[in-house]
Amino acid sequence: MAEVMLVSEIMTRNVKTVRLDTTVREVIATMLSREIGSIVVVQGERPVGIITERDILRAVMTTSIPIESFLAKDAMSTPLITINAHASIDEATRLMKTKRVKKLVVVDDGKLTGILTHTDVVYHVPEMFRTLEELLRPRRNR
């Protein structure tokens, strides 16, 4: 019988983080150099926000503060939407839909363990369909 796919099976584990006092210019440089669309903001080891490309555009375009003065804490989205690594992908996609987000920060006991994006889910949909097909396929008695 097929099993439920868990967040831990498809999440990205090596998540790039920045501190609250990191400049947005540094955030942008890191996102460009690593070819990523978001960075998790941490306070100590605890994730407290996320900065996406859209967050940066919004922050820069809606204020007259020079980009050199913007810090991660000024541009991040908060409160952070999180999920446990042991949650199902179904639960994760429902949360994404309900909260209208494309990325979920994965935590375990408040510590960052990964990130799950809508792209991760879409990439693994064929695998999920194969699993469903196995469930629906009639069993042959031997």
N, C-alpha and C. Protein backbone atom coordinates (compact mmCIF):
# COMPACT_ATOMS: atom_id res chain seq x y z
N MET A 1 0.85 -1.18 0.00
CA MET A 1 0.00 0.00 0.00
C MET A 1 0.89 1.24 0.00
N ALA A 2 0.48 2.26 -0.74
CA ALA A 2 1.27 3.48 -0.84
C ALA A 2 1.18 4.28 0.44
N GLU A 3 2.24 5.00 0.73
CA GLU A 3 2.29 5.81 1.94
C GLU A 3 2.08 7.29 1.62
N VAL A 4 1.78 8.05 2.64
CA VAL A 4 1.61 9.49 2.51
C VAL A 4 3.00 10.12 2.33
N MET A 5 3.12 11.05 1.39
CA MET A 5 4.39 11.74 1.19
C MET A 5 4.52 12.86 2.22
N LEU A 6 5.66 12.93 2.86
CA LEU A 6 5.89 13.91 3.91
C LEU A 6 6.71 15.10 3.41
N VAL A 7 6.57 16.22 4.09
CA VAL A 7 7.32 17.43 3.78
C VAL A 7 8.82 17.13 3.77
N SER A 8 9.29 16.35 4.74
CA SER A 8 10.72 16.05 4.86
C SER A 8 11.28 15.35 3.64
N GLU A 9 10.43 14.68 2.87
CA GLU A 9 10.89 13.93 1.70
C GLU A 9 11.23 14.83 0.52
N ILE A 10 10.63 16.01 0.44
CA ILE A 10 10.86 16.84 -0.75
C ILE A 10 11.36 18.25 -0.44
N MET A 11 11.46 18.60 0.83
CA MET A 11 11.91 19.96 1.19
C MET A 11 13.39 20.15 0.86
N THR A 12 13.79 21.40 0.74
CA THR A 12 15.19 21.74 0.61
C THR A 12 15.76 21.89 2.01
N ARG A 13 16.84 21.19 2.27
CA ARG A 13 17.41 21.19 3.61
C ARG A 13 18.43 22.30 3.85
N ASN A 14 19.22 22.61 2.88
CA ASN A 14 20.28 23.61 3.03
C ASN A 14 19.71 25.00 2.73
N VAL A 15 19.12 25.62 3.75
CA VAL A 15 18.43 26.89 3.57
C VAL A 15 19.38 28.04 3.87
N LYS A 16 19.42 29.00 2.98
CA LYS A 16 20.25 30.19 3.20
C LYS A 16 19.51 31.12 4.16
N THR A 17 20.24 31.61 5.14
CA THR A 17 19.65 32.51 6.13
C THR A 17 20.46 33.79 6.24
N VAL A 18 19.81 34.81 6.77
CA VAL A 18 20.46 36.08 7.09
C VAL A 18 19.95 36.54 8.45
N ARG A 19 20.70 37.42 9.07
CA ARG A 19 20.29 38.00 10.35
C ARG A 19 19.37 39.20 10.11
N LEU A 20 18.70 39.62 11.16
CA LEU A 20 17.80 40.77 11.09
C LEU A 20 18.50 42.04 10.62
N ASP A 21 19.78 42.18 10.99
CA ASP A 21 20.51 43.41 10.67
C ASP A 21 21.29 43.35 9.36
N THR A 22 21.09 42.30 8.56
CA THR A 22 21.73 42.20 7.24
C THR A 22 21.08 43.23 6.32
N THR A 23 21.90 43.92 5.54
CA THR A 23 21.32 44.92 4.63
C THR A 23 20.60 44.22 3.47
N VAL A 24 19.58 44.87 2.96
CA VAL A 24 18.84 44.33 1.83
C VAL A 24 19.77 44.22 0.62
N ARG A 25 20.72 45.11 0.49
CA ARG A 25 21.70 45.01 -0.61
C ARG A 25 22.45 43.67 -0.51
N GLU A 26 22.85 43.28 0.71
CA GLU A 26 23.52 41.99 0.90
C GLU A 26 22.57 40.83 0.61
N VAL A 27 21.32 40.97 1.00
CA VAL A 27 20.32 39.94 0.73
C VAL A 27 20.19 39.74 -0.78
N ILE A 28 20.07 40.84 -1.51
CA ILE A 28 19.93 40.76 -2.97
C ILE A 28 21.16 40.11 -3.58
N ALA A 29 22.34 40.51 -3.15
CA ALA A 29 23.58 39.93 -3.68
C ALA A 29 23.63 38.42 -3.44
N THR A 30 23.22 38.01 -2.27
CA THR A 30 23.21 36.58 -1.94
C THR A 30 22.19 35.82 -2.78
N MET A 31 21.01 36.40 -2.93
CA MET A 31 19.97 35.75 -3.74
C MET A 31 20.43 35.61 -5.19
N LEU A 32 21.09 36.64 -5.71
CA LEU A 32 21.58 36.58 -7.09
C LEU A 32 22.70 35.56 -7.24
N SER A 33 23.65 35.57 -6.32
CA SER A 33 24.79 34.66 -6.44
C SER A 33 24.40 33.20 -6.25
N ARG A 34 23.39 32.94 -5.44
CA ARG A 34 22.96 31.56 -5.19
C ARG A 34 21.78 31.15 -6.07
N GLU A 35 21.30 32.11 -6.86
CA GLU A 35 20.16 31.87 -7.76
C GLU A 35 18.96 31.30 -7.00
N ILE A 36 18.59 32.03 -5.93
CA ILE A 36 17.44 31.65 -5.12
C ILE A 36 16.46 32.81 -5.06
N GLY A 37 15.21 32.51 -4.77
CA GLY A 37 14.17 33.53 -4.76
C GLY A 37 13.74 33.98 -3.38
N SER A 38 14.35 33.39 -2.34
CA SER A 38 13.98 33.79 -0.99
C SER A 38 15.10 33.43 -0.02
N ILE A 39 15.07 34.12 1.12
CA ILE A 39 16.04 33.88 2.20
C ILE A 39 15.27 33.96 3.51
N VAL A 40 15.58 33.03 4.42
CA VAL A 40 14.95 33.03 5.73
C VAL A 40 15.73 33.95 6.66
N VAL A 41 15.02 34.77 7.41
CA VAL A 41 15.63 35.69 8.37
C VAL A 41 15.58 35.03 9.75
N VAL A 42 16.74 35.01 10.41
CA VAL A 42 16.83 34.36 11.72
C VAL A 42 17.26 35.35 12.79
N GLN A 43 16.83 35.05 14.00
CA GLN A 43 17.29 35.76 15.19
C GLN A 43 17.90 34.66 16.06
N GLY A 44 19.22 34.65 16.15
CA GLY A 44 19.90 33.52 16.75
C GLY A 44 19.74 32.34 15.81
N GLU A 45 19.17 31.25 16.31
CA GLU A 45 18.90 30.09 15.46
C GLU A 45 17.43 29.97 15.08
N ARG A 46 16.62 30.90 15.55
CA ARG A 46 15.17 30.83 15.37
C ARG A 46 14.74 31.62 14.13
N PRO A 47 14.03 30.99 13.20
CA PRO A 47 13.53 31.72 12.03
C PRO A 47 12.42 32.69 12.44
N VAL A 48 12.51 33.93 11.98
CA VAL A 48 11.52 34.94 12.36
C VAL A 48 10.84 35.61 11.17
N GLY A 49 11.34 35.37 9.97
CA GLY A 49 10.75 35.98 8.78
C GLY A 49 11.34 35.38 7.53
N ILE A 50 10.82 35.82 6.39
CA ILE A 50 11.34 35.39 5.11
C ILE A 50 11.34 36.59 4.18
N ILE A 51 12.34 36.67 3.35
CA ILE A 51 12.40 37.74 2.34
C ILE A 51 12.35 37.08 0.97
N THR A 52 11.36 37.50 0.20
CA THR A 52 11.23 37.02 -1.18
C THR A 52 11.56 38.17 -2.13
N GLU A 53 11.69 37.84 -3.39
CA GLU A 53 11.93 38.89 -4.39
C GLU A 53 10.81 39.93 -4.35
N ARG A 54 9.60 39.48 -4.18
CA ARG A 54 8.45 40.39 -4.12
C ARG A 54 8.54 41.32 -2.90
N ASP A 55 8.99 40.77 -1.76
CA ASP A 55 9.17 41.59 -0.55
C ASP A 55 10.16 42.73 -0.80
N ILE A 56 11.23 42.42 -1.50
CA ILE A 56 12.24 43.43 -1.79
C ILE A 56 11.67 44.51 -2.69
N LEU A 57 10.97 44.11 -3.73
CA LEU A 57 10.35 45.09 -4.63
C LEU A 57 9.37 45.98 -3.88
N ARG A 58 8.54 45.36 -3.06
CA ARG A 58 7.54 46.12 -2.30
C ARG A 58 8.22 47.12 -1.37
N ALA A 59 9.24 46.67 -0.65
CA ALA A 59 9.93 47.53 0.32
C ALA A 59 10.61 48.71 -0.37
N VAL A 60 11.26 48.43 -1.47
CA VAL A 60 12.00 49.48 -2.17
C VAL A 60 11.07 50.47 -2.85
N MET A 61 9.97 49.97 -3.41
CA MET A 61 9.08 50.83 -4.19
C MET A 61 8.07 51.60 -3.34
N THR A 62 7.84 51.21 -2.11
CA THR A 62 6.81 51.89 -1.32
C THR A 62 7.36 52.85 -0.28
N THR A 63 8.64 53.13 -0.37
CA THR A 63 9.23 54.07 0.58
C THR A 63 10.32 54.88 -0.10
N SER A 64 10.68 55.97 0.51
CA SER A 64 11.75 56.81 -0.06
C SER A 64 13.09 56.55 0.63
N ILE A 65 13.15 55.56 1.51
CA ILE A 65 14.41 55.23 2.19
C ILE A 65 15.37 54.61 1.18
N PRO A 66 16.61 55.07 1.15
CA PRO A 66 17.60 54.49 0.22
C PRO A 66 17.83 53.01 0.52
N ILE A 67 18.08 52.23 -0.53
CA ILE A 67 18.25 50.79 -0.35
C ILE A 67 19.40 50.46 0.60
N GLU A 68 20.40 51.32 0.66
CA GLU A 68 21.53 51.09 1.56
C GLU A 68 21.10 51.09 3.03
N SER A 69 20.00 51.74 3.33
CA SER A 69 19.51 51.85 4.71
C SER A 69 18.54 50.74 5.09
N PHE A 70 18.06 49.98 4.11
CA PHE A 70 17.11 48.91 4.38
C PHE A 70 17.82 47.71 4.99
N LEU A 71 17.22 47.18 6.03
CA LEU A 71 17.74 45.97 6.66
C LEU A 71 16.75 44.83 6.42
N ALA A 72 17.21 43.62 6.62
CA ALA A 72 16.35 42.45 6.43
C ALA A 72 15.07 42.57 7.24
N LYS A 73 15.19 43.07 8.46
CA LYS A 73 14.00 43.19 9.32
C LYS A 73 12.96 44.14 8.74
N ASP A 74 13.40 45.09 7.89
CA ASP A 74 12.49 46.05 7.28
C ASP A 74 11.75 45.49 6.06
N ALA A 75 12.32 44.47 5.44
CA ALA A 75 11.76 43.94 4.20
C ALA A 75 11.09 42.58 4.36
N MET A 76 11.33 41.90 5.48
CA MET A 76 10.85 40.52 5.62
C MET A 76 9.35 40.43 5.81
N SER A 77 8.81 39.31 5.38
CA SER A 77 7.41 38.99 5.64
C SER A 77 7.33 38.30 6.99
N THR A 78 6.39 38.75 7.78
CA THR A 78 6.17 38.19 9.10
C THR A 78 4.71 38.39 9.44
N PRO A 79 4.03 37.58 10.19
CA PRO A 79 4.59 36.41 10.87
C PRO A 79 4.93 35.31 9.87
N LEU A 80 5.89 34.52 10.24
CA LEU A 80 6.38 33.44 9.40
C LEU A 80 5.39 32.28 9.39
N ILE A 81 5.11 31.78 8.20
CA ILE A 81 4.23 30.62 8.06
C ILE A 81 5.13 29.38 8.05
N THR A 82 4.94 28.51 9.03
CA THR A 82 5.81 27.35 9.17
C THR A 82 5.01 26.06 9.15
N ILE A 83 5.75 24.97 8.94
CA ILE A 83 5.16 23.63 8.98
C ILE A 83 6.21 22.69 9.52
N ASN A 84 5.75 21.59 10.10
CA ASN A 84 6.65 20.58 10.63
C ASN A 84 7.09 19.64 9.51
N ALA A 85 8.31 19.15 9.59
CA ALA A 85 8.86 18.26 8.57
C ALA A 85 8.07 16.96 8.45
N HIS A 86 7.35 16.56 9.49
CA HIS A 86 6.61 15.31 9.49
C HIS A 86 5.17 15.47 9.01
N ALA A 87 4.81 16.70 8.61
CA ALA A 87 3.47 16.93 8.06
C ALA A 87 3.40 16.35 6.65
N SER A 88 2.20 16.07 6.20
CA SER A 88 2.02 15.53 4.85
C SER A 88 2.09 16.66 3.82
N ILE A 89 2.39 16.28 2.59
CA ILE A 89 2.40 17.26 1.50
C ILE A 89 1.00 17.82 1.30
N ASP A 90 -0.01 16.99 1.50
CA ASP A 90 -1.39 17.45 1.40
C ASP A 90 -1.65 18.57 2.39
N GLU A 91 -1.23 18.36 3.63
CA GLU A 91 -1.39 19.40 4.66
C GLU A 91 -0.62 20.66 4.27
N ALA A 92 0.58 20.49 3.74
CA ALA A 92 1.40 21.65 3.34
C ALA A 92 0.73 22.45 2.23
N THR A 93 0.19 21.76 1.22
CA THR A 93 -0.44 22.49 0.12
C THR A 93 -1.72 23.19 0.57
N ARG A 94 -2.46 22.56 1.48
CA ARG A 94 -3.65 23.23 2.03
C ARG A 94 -3.24 24.50 2.78
N LEU A 95 -2.15 24.42 3.55
CA LEU A 95 -1.67 25.59 4.28
C LEU A 95 -1.22 26.69 3.32
N MET A 96 -0.50 26.31 2.25
CA MET A 96 -0.09 27.29 1.25
C MET A 96 -1.30 27.99 0.65
N LYS A 97 -2.33 27.21 0.33
CA LYS A 97 -3.54 27.77 -0.27
C LYS A 97 -4.25 28.70 0.71
N THR A 98 -4.43 28.24 1.94
CA THR A 98 -5.14 29.02 2.95
C THR A 98 -4.42 30.34 3.25
N LYS A 99 -3.11 30.27 3.39
CA LYS A 99 -2.31 31.45 3.76
C LYS A 99 -1.86 32.25 2.54
N ARG A 100 -2.14 31.72 1.35
CA ARG A 100 -1.77 32.39 0.10
C ARG A 100 -0.27 32.67 0.03
N VAL A 101 0.53 31.61 0.28
CA VAL A 101 1.99 31.71 0.20
C VAL A 101 2.52 30.60 -0.70
N LYS A 102 3.70 30.82 -1.25
CA LYS A 102 4.32 29.84 -2.12
C LYS A 102 5.48 29.12 -1.45
N LYS A 103 5.81 29.54 -0.24
CA LYS A 103 6.93 28.96 0.49
C LYS A 103 6.54 28.76 1.94
N LEU A 104 6.91 27.61 2.47
CA LEU A 104 6.71 27.32 3.88
C LEU A 104 8.06 27.03 4.51
N VAL A 105 8.34 27.67 5.63
CA VAL A 105 9.56 27.39 6.37
C VAL A 105 9.29 26.15 7.22
N VAL A 106 10.19 25.19 7.13
CA VAL A 106 10.02 23.93 7.84
C VAL A 106 10.81 23.98 9.14
N VAL A 107 10.12 23.71 10.23
CA VAL A 107 10.75 23.79 11.55
C VAL A 107 10.49 22.51 12.34
N ASP A 108 11.38 22.26 13.27
CA ASP A 108 11.23 21.17 14.22
C ASP A 108 11.67 21.71 15.57
N ASP A 109 10.74 21.75 16.52
CA ASP A 109 11.00 22.34 17.84
C ASP A 109 11.52 23.77 17.73
N GLY A 110 10.95 24.54 16.79
CA GLY A 110 11.32 25.94 16.62
C GLY A 110 12.59 26.18 15.84
N LYS A 111 13.31 25.11 15.49
CA LYS A 111 14.56 25.26 14.73
C LYS A 111 14.32 25.02 13.26
N LEU A 112 15.00 25.80 12.45
CA LEU A 112 14.90 25.70 11.00
C LEU A 112 15.48 24.37 10.51
N THR A 113 14.69 23.62 9.75
CA THR A 113 15.19 22.37 9.19
C THR A 113 15.10 22.34 7.67
N GLY A 114 14.36 23.28 7.07
CA GLY A 114 14.25 23.28 5.62
C GLY A 114 13.26 24.32 5.14
N ILE A 115 13.02 24.27 3.84
CA ILE A 115 12.01 25.12 3.22
C ILE A 115 11.31 24.30 2.14
N LEU A 116 10.01 24.48 2.04
CA LEU A 116 9.20 23.80 1.03
C LEU A 116 8.57 24.86 0.15
N THR A 117 8.78 24.75 -1.16
CA THR A 117 8.22 25.73 -2.09
C THR A 117 7.16 25.07 -2.96
N HIS A 118 6.35 25.89 -3.57
CA HIS A 118 5.34 25.35 -4.49
C HIS A 118 6.01 24.61 -5.64
N THR A 119 7.21 25.04 -6.02
CA THR A 119 7.96 24.37 -7.08
C THR A 119 8.34 22.95 -6.66
N ASP A 120 8.75 22.79 -5.40
CA ASP A 120 9.06 21.45 -4.89
C ASP A 120 7.86 20.53 -5.04
N VAL A 121 6.69 21.04 -4.70
CA VAL A 121 5.47 20.24 -4.76
C VAL A 121 5.15 19.89 -6.21
N VAL A 122 5.18 20.88 -7.10
CA VAL A 122 4.86 20.64 -8.51
C VAL A 122 5.83 19.62 -9.11
N TYR A 123 7.08 19.72 -8.76
CA TYR A 123 8.10 18.81 -9.28
C TYR A 123 7.79 17.37 -8.88
N HIS A 124 7.22 17.17 -7.69
CA HIS A 124 6.96 15.83 -7.19
C HIS A 124 5.54 15.32 -7.47
N VAL A 125 4.72 16.12 -8.13
CA VAL A 125 3.35 15.69 -8.43
C VAL A 125 3.33 14.40 -9.26
N PRO A 126 4.18 14.24 -10.28
CA PRO A 126 4.14 12.97 -11.03
C PRO A 126 4.37 11.75 -10.12
N GLU A 127 5.26 11.87 -9.17
CA GLU A 127 5.51 10.78 -8.23
C GLU A 127 4.26 10.51 -7.39
N MET A 128 3.58 11.59 -6.99
CA MET A 128 2.36 11.43 -6.21
C MET A 128 1.27 10.74 -7.04
N PHE A 129 1.18 11.09 -8.34
CA PHE A 129 0.20 10.45 -9.21
C PHE A 129 0.50 8.96 -9.37
N ARG A 130 1.79 8.61 -9.48
CA ARG A 130 2.14 7.19 -9.58
C ARG A 130 1.71 6.45 -8.32
N THR A 131 1.88 7.10 -7.17
CA THR A 131 1.46 6.49 -5.91
C THR A 131 -0.05 6.28 -5.89
N LEU A 132 -0.79 7.29 -6.33
CA LEU A 132 -2.26 7.16 -6.39
C LEU A 132 -2.68 6.07 -7.37
N GLU A 133 -1.96 5.99 -8.49
CA GLU A 133 -2.27 4.96 -9.47
C GLU A 133 -2.10 3.56 -8.87
N GLU A 134 -1.06 3.39 -8.06
CA GLU A 134 -0.85 2.11 -7.38
C GLU A 134 -2.02 1.79 -6.44
N LEU A 135 -2.51 2.81 -5.77
CA LEU A 135 -3.64 2.60 -4.86
C LEU A 135 -4.90 2.18 -5.62
N LEU A 136 -5.10 2.76 -6.79
CA LEU A 136 -6.32 2.52 -7.54
C LEU A 136 -6.28 1.26 -8.40
N ARG A 137 -5.07 0.77 -8.68
CA ARG A 137 -4.92 -0.39 -9.53
C ARG A 137 -5.49 -1.63 -8.81
N PRO A 138 -6.35 -2.39 -9.50
CA PRO A 138 -6.90 -3.59 -8.84
C PRO A 138 -5.80 -4.60 -8.53
N ARG A 139 -5.93 -5.23 -7.37
CA ARG A 139 -4.96 -6.25 -6.99
C ARG A 139 -5.36 -7.58 -7.63
N ARG A 140 -4.35 -8.29 -8.05
CA ARG A 140 -4.60 -9.61 -8.61
C ARG A 140 -4.32 -10.65 -7.55
N ASN A 141 -5.23 -11.54 -7.41
CA ASN A 141 -5.02 -12.65 -6.45
C ASN A 141 -4.09 -13.67 -7.06
N ARG A 142 -3.15 -14.11 -6.26
CA ARG A 142 -2.19 -15.11 -6.75
C ARG A 142 -2.45 -16.43 -6.13
